[in-house]
Amino acid sequence: MLEAIAGFSFYLFGIAFAPIYTPHLSEKYGRTPVYLATLPIWMLFVLGTSYSETFGGVAVCRFFAGAIGGPSLVLIEGTFADIWSARRTGTYYAFLTLASYLGAACGKILSLPSI
């Protein structure tokens, strides 16, 4: 039971570190270089999680996937503010919230049937 919860917990624990370093990097280099640098590394850690055969490997890869992928969660509001005007703030927050719910709701519908 603990292992089932720990995989998700390590990911969230890694995400908790993103607000510590992300604002400094985005202020110095801008949002685009931070996105372009962190997303490919995040994908490698997610891929490492899927190929890991031990619990320790899963835990380490999940933690670093959260820590490296966290800037996407931290910077998204600033990116939306750069794209849309202040009058449309409610619109993009509504779509951001709706996307998080629809992703979880449609996951079962869009999953491939098992053979």
C-alpha atoms as a PDB file:
ATOM      1  CA  MET A   1       0.000   0.000   0.000  1.00  0.00           C
ATOM      2  CA  LEU A   2       2.781   2.431   0.883  1.00  0.00           C
ATOM      3  CA  GLU A   3       4.486   1.899  -2.472  1.00  0.00           C
ATOM      4  CA  ALA A   4       1.325   2.797  -4.340  1.00  0.00           C
ATOM      5  CA  ILE A   5       1.038   6.128  -2.576  1.00  0.00           C
ATOM      6  CA  ALA A   6       4.782   6.844  -2.541  1.00  0.00           C
ATOM      7  CA  GLY A   7       5.099   7.008  -6.334  1.00  0.00           C
ATOM      8  CA  PHE A   8       2.585   9.833  -6.554  1.00  0.00           C
ATOM      9  CA  SER A   9       3.902  11.480  -3.388  1.00  0.00           C
ATOM     10  CA  PHE A  10       7.464  11.652  -4.719  1.00  0.00           C
ATOM     11  CA  TYR A  11       6.172  13.352  -7.863  1.00  0.00           C
ATOM     12  CA  LEU A  12       4.277  15.961  -5.821  1.00  0.00           C
ATOM     13  CA  PHE A  13       7.248  16.413  -3.509  1.00  0.00           C
ATOM     14  CA  GLY A  14       9.388  17.142  -6.575  1.00  0.00           C
ATOM     15  CA  ILE A  15       6.851  19.658  -7.856  1.00  0.00           C
ATOM     16  CA  ALA A  16       7.090  21.462  -4.501  1.00  0.00           C
ATOM     17  CA  PHE A  17      10.663  22.457  -5.384  1.00  0.00           C
ATOM     18  CA  ALA A  18       9.706  24.127  -8.682  1.00  0.00           C
ATOM     19  CA  PRO A  19       8.545  27.468  -7.187  1.00  0.00           C
ATOM     20  CA  ILE A  20      11.931  27.789  -5.499  1.00  0.00           C
ATOM     21  CA  TYR A  21      14.072  27.925  -8.640  1.00  0.00           C
ATOM     22  CA  THR A  22      11.670  28.579 -11.526  1.00  0.00           C
ATOM     23  CA  PRO A  23      10.984  32.303 -10.954  1.00  0.00           C
ATOM     24  CA  HIS A  24      14.703  33.064 -10.835  1.00  0.00           C
ATOM     25  CA  LEU A  25      15.375  31.203 -14.067  1.00  0.00           C
ATOM     26  CA  SER A  26      12.416  32.767 -15.878  1.00  0.00           C
ATOM     27  CA  GLU A  27      13.398  36.268 -14.741  1.00  0.00           C
ATOM     28  CA  LYS A  28      16.949  35.801 -15.960  1.00  0.00           C
ATOM     29  CA  TYR A  29      16.367  33.874 -19.209  1.00  0.00           C
ATOM     30  CA  GLY A  30      12.642  34.247 -19.944  1.00  0.00           C
ATOM     31  CA  ARG A  31       9.873  31.683 -19.984  1.00  0.00           C
ATOM     32  CA  THR A  32      10.544  30.147 -23.383  1.00  0.00           C
ATOM     33  CA  PRO A  33      14.097  28.904 -22.649  1.00  0.00           C
ATOM     34  CA  VAL A  34      12.900  27.469 -19.337  1.00  0.00           C
ATOM     35  CA  TYR A  35      10.105  25.570 -21.105  1.00  0.00           C
ATOM     36  CA  LEU A  36      12.423  24.367 -23.862  1.00  0.00           C
ATOM     37  CA  ALA A  37      15.083  23.212 -21.408  1.00  0.00           C
ATOM     38  CA  THR A  38      12.905  21.501 -18.818  1.00  0.00           C
ATOM     39  CA  LEU A  39      10.267  19.722 -20.909  1.00  0.00           C
ATOM     40  CA  PRO A  40      12.634  17.353 -22.791  1.00  0.00           C
ATOM     41  CA  ILE A  41      14.418  16.487 -19.540  1.00  0.00           C
ATOM     42  CA  TRP A  42      11.031  15.904 -17.874  1.00  0.00           C
ATOM     43  CA  MET A  43      10.073  13.538 -20.696  1.00  0.00           C
ATOM     44  CA  LEU A  44      13.268  11.552 -20.142  1.00  0.00           C
ATOM     45  CA  PHE A  45      12.486  11.126 -16.447  1.00  0.00           C
ATOM     46  CA  VAL A  46       8.924  10.044 -17.231  1.00  0.00           C
ATOM     47  CA  LEU A  47      10.327   7.562 -19.725  1.00  0.00           C
ATOM     48  CA  GLY A  48      12.822   6.405 -17.084  1.00  0.00           C
ATOM     49  CA  THR A  49       9.935   5.825 -14.707  1.00  0.00           C
ATOM     50  CA  SER A  50       8.194   3.592 -17.217  1.00  0.00           C
ATOM     51  CA  TYR A  51      11.316   1.498 -17.824  1.00  0.00           C
ATOM     52  CA  SER A  52      12.389   1.264 -14.190  1.00  0.00           C
ATOM     53  CA  GLU A  53      12.294  -2.226 -12.742  1.00  0.00           C
ATOM     54  CA  THR A  54      12.866  -1.381  -9.070  1.00  0.00           C
ATOM     55  CA  PHE A  55      10.900   0.716  -6.639  1.00  0.00           C
ATOM     56  CA  GLY A  56      13.972   2.853  -5.939  1.00  0.00           C
ATOM     57  CA  GLY A  57      14.308   3.678  -9.627  1.00  0.00           C
ATOM     58  CA  VAL A  58      10.646   4.606  -9.833  1.00  0.00           C
ATOM     59  CA  ALA A  59      10.936   6.815  -6.742  1.00  0.00           C
ATOM     60  CA  VAL A  60      14.012   8.672  -8.009  1.00  0.00           C
ATOM     61  CA  CYS A  61      12.619   9.148 -11.510  1.00  0.00           C
ATOM     62  CA  ARG A  62       9.239  10.311 -10.175  1.00  0.00           C
ATOM     63  CA  PHE A  63      10.891  12.850  -7.865  1.00  0.00           C
ATOM     64  CA  PHE A  64      13.067  14.316 -10.608  1.00  0.00           C
ATOM     65  CA  ALA A  65      10.170  14.265 -13.082  1.00  0.00           C
ATOM     66  CA  GLY A  66       8.232  16.433 -10.641  1.00  0.00           C
ATOM     67  CA  ALA A  67      11.173  18.728  -9.905  1.00  0.00           C
ATOM     68  CA  ILE A  68      12.090  19.204 -13.569  1.00  0.00           C
ATOM     69  CA  GLY A  69       8.505  19.296 -14.898  1.00  0.00           C
ATOM     70  CA  GLY A  70       7.301  21.705 -12.217  1.00  0.00           C
ATOM     71  CA  PRO A  71       8.121  24.905 -14.140  1.00  0.00           C
ATOM     72  CA  SER A  72       5.294  24.112 -16.541  1.00  0.00           C
ATOM     73  CA  LEU A  73       2.878  24.355 -13.619  1.00  0.00           C
ATOM     74  CA  VAL A  74       4.513  27.425 -12.095  1.00  0.00           C
ATOM     75  CA  LEU A  75       4.864  29.468 -15.298  1.00  0.00           C
ATOM     76  CA  ILE A  76       1.533  28.689 -16.947  1.00  0.00           C
ATOM     77  CA  GLU A  77      -0.301  31.655 -15.435  1.00  0.00           C
ATOM     78  CA  GLY A  78       2.356  34.113 -16.578  1.00  0.00           C
ATOM     79  CA  THR A  79       2.270  32.603 -20.042  1.00  0.00           C
ATOM     80  CA  PHE A  80      -1.502  32.993 -20.190  1.00  0.00           C
ATOM     81  CA  ALA A  81      -1.188  36.595 -18.998  1.00  0.00           C
ATOM     82  CA  ASP A  82       1.271  37.290 -21.823  1.00  0.00           C
ATOM     83  CA  ILE A  83      -1.078  35.864 -24.426  1.00  0.00           C
ATOM     84  CA  TRP A  84      -4.453  37.239 -23.374  1.00  0.00           C
ATOM     85  CA  SER A  85      -5.587  40.599 -22.021  1.00  0.00           C
ATOM     86  CA  ALA A  86      -6.536  41.191 -18.394  1.00  0.00           C
ATOM     87  CA  ARG A  87     -10.237  41.283 -19.350  1.00  0.00           C
ATOM     88  CA  ARG A  88     -10.083  37.622 -20.359  1.00  0.00           C
ATOM     89  CA  THR A  89      -8.506  36.427 -17.121  1.00  0.00           C
ATOM     90  CA  GLY A  90     -11.618  34.547 -16.087  1.00  0.00           C
ATOM     91  CA  THR A  91     -11.782  32.806 -19.459  1.00  0.00           C
ATOM     92  CA  TYR A  92      -8.323  31.280 -19.406  1.00  0.00           C
ATOM     93  CA  TYR A  93      -8.565  30.303 -15.752  1.00  0.00           C
ATOM     94  CA  ALA A  94     -11.865  28.585 -16.543  1.00  0.00           C
ATOM     95  CA  PHE A  95     -10.242  26.640 -19.388  1.00  0.00           C
ATOM     96  CA  LEU A  96      -7.248  25.734 -17.212  1.00  0.00           C
ATOM     97  CA  THR A  97      -9.543  24.413 -14.495  1.00  0.00           C
ATOM     98  CA  LEU A  98     -11.781  22.651 -16.988  1.00  0.00           C
ATOM     99  CA  ALA A  99      -8.777  20.953 -18.610  1.00  0.00           C
ATOM    100  CA  SER A 100      -7.676  19.432 -15.319  1.00  0.00           C
ATOM    101  CA  TYR A 101     -11.133  17.980 -14.702  1.00  0.00           C
ATOM    102  CA  LEU A 102     -11.748  16.836 -18.268  1.00  0.00           C
ATOM    103  CA  GLY A 103      -8.380  15.096 -18.418  1.00  0.00           C
ATOM    104  CA  ALA A 104      -9.273  12.957 -15.432  1.00  0.00           C
ATOM    105  CA  ALA A 105     -12.848  12.380 -16.596  1.00  0.00           C
ATOM    106  CA  CYS A 106     -11.977  11.448 -20.186  1.00  0.00           C
ATOM    107  CA  GLY A 107      -8.987   9.290 -19.329  1.00  0.00           C
ATOM    108  CA  LYS A 108     -11.108   6.186 -18.969  1.00  0.00           C
ATOM    109  CA  ILE A 109     -13.030   6.900 -22.143  1.00  0.00           C
ATOM    110  CA  LEU A 110      -9.929   7.522 -24.241  1.00  0.00           C
ATOM    111  CA  SER A 111      -7.871   4.621 -22.914  1.00  0.00           C
ATOM    112  CA  LEU A 112      -7.244   1.707 -25.203  1.00  0.00           C
ATOM    113  CA  PRO A 113      -9.230  -1.452 -24.541  1.00  0.00           C
ATOM    114  CA  SER A 114      -7.206  -4.312 -23.117  1.00  0.00           C
ATOM    115  CA  ILE A 115      -6.844  -7.383 -25.199  1.00  0.00           C
END
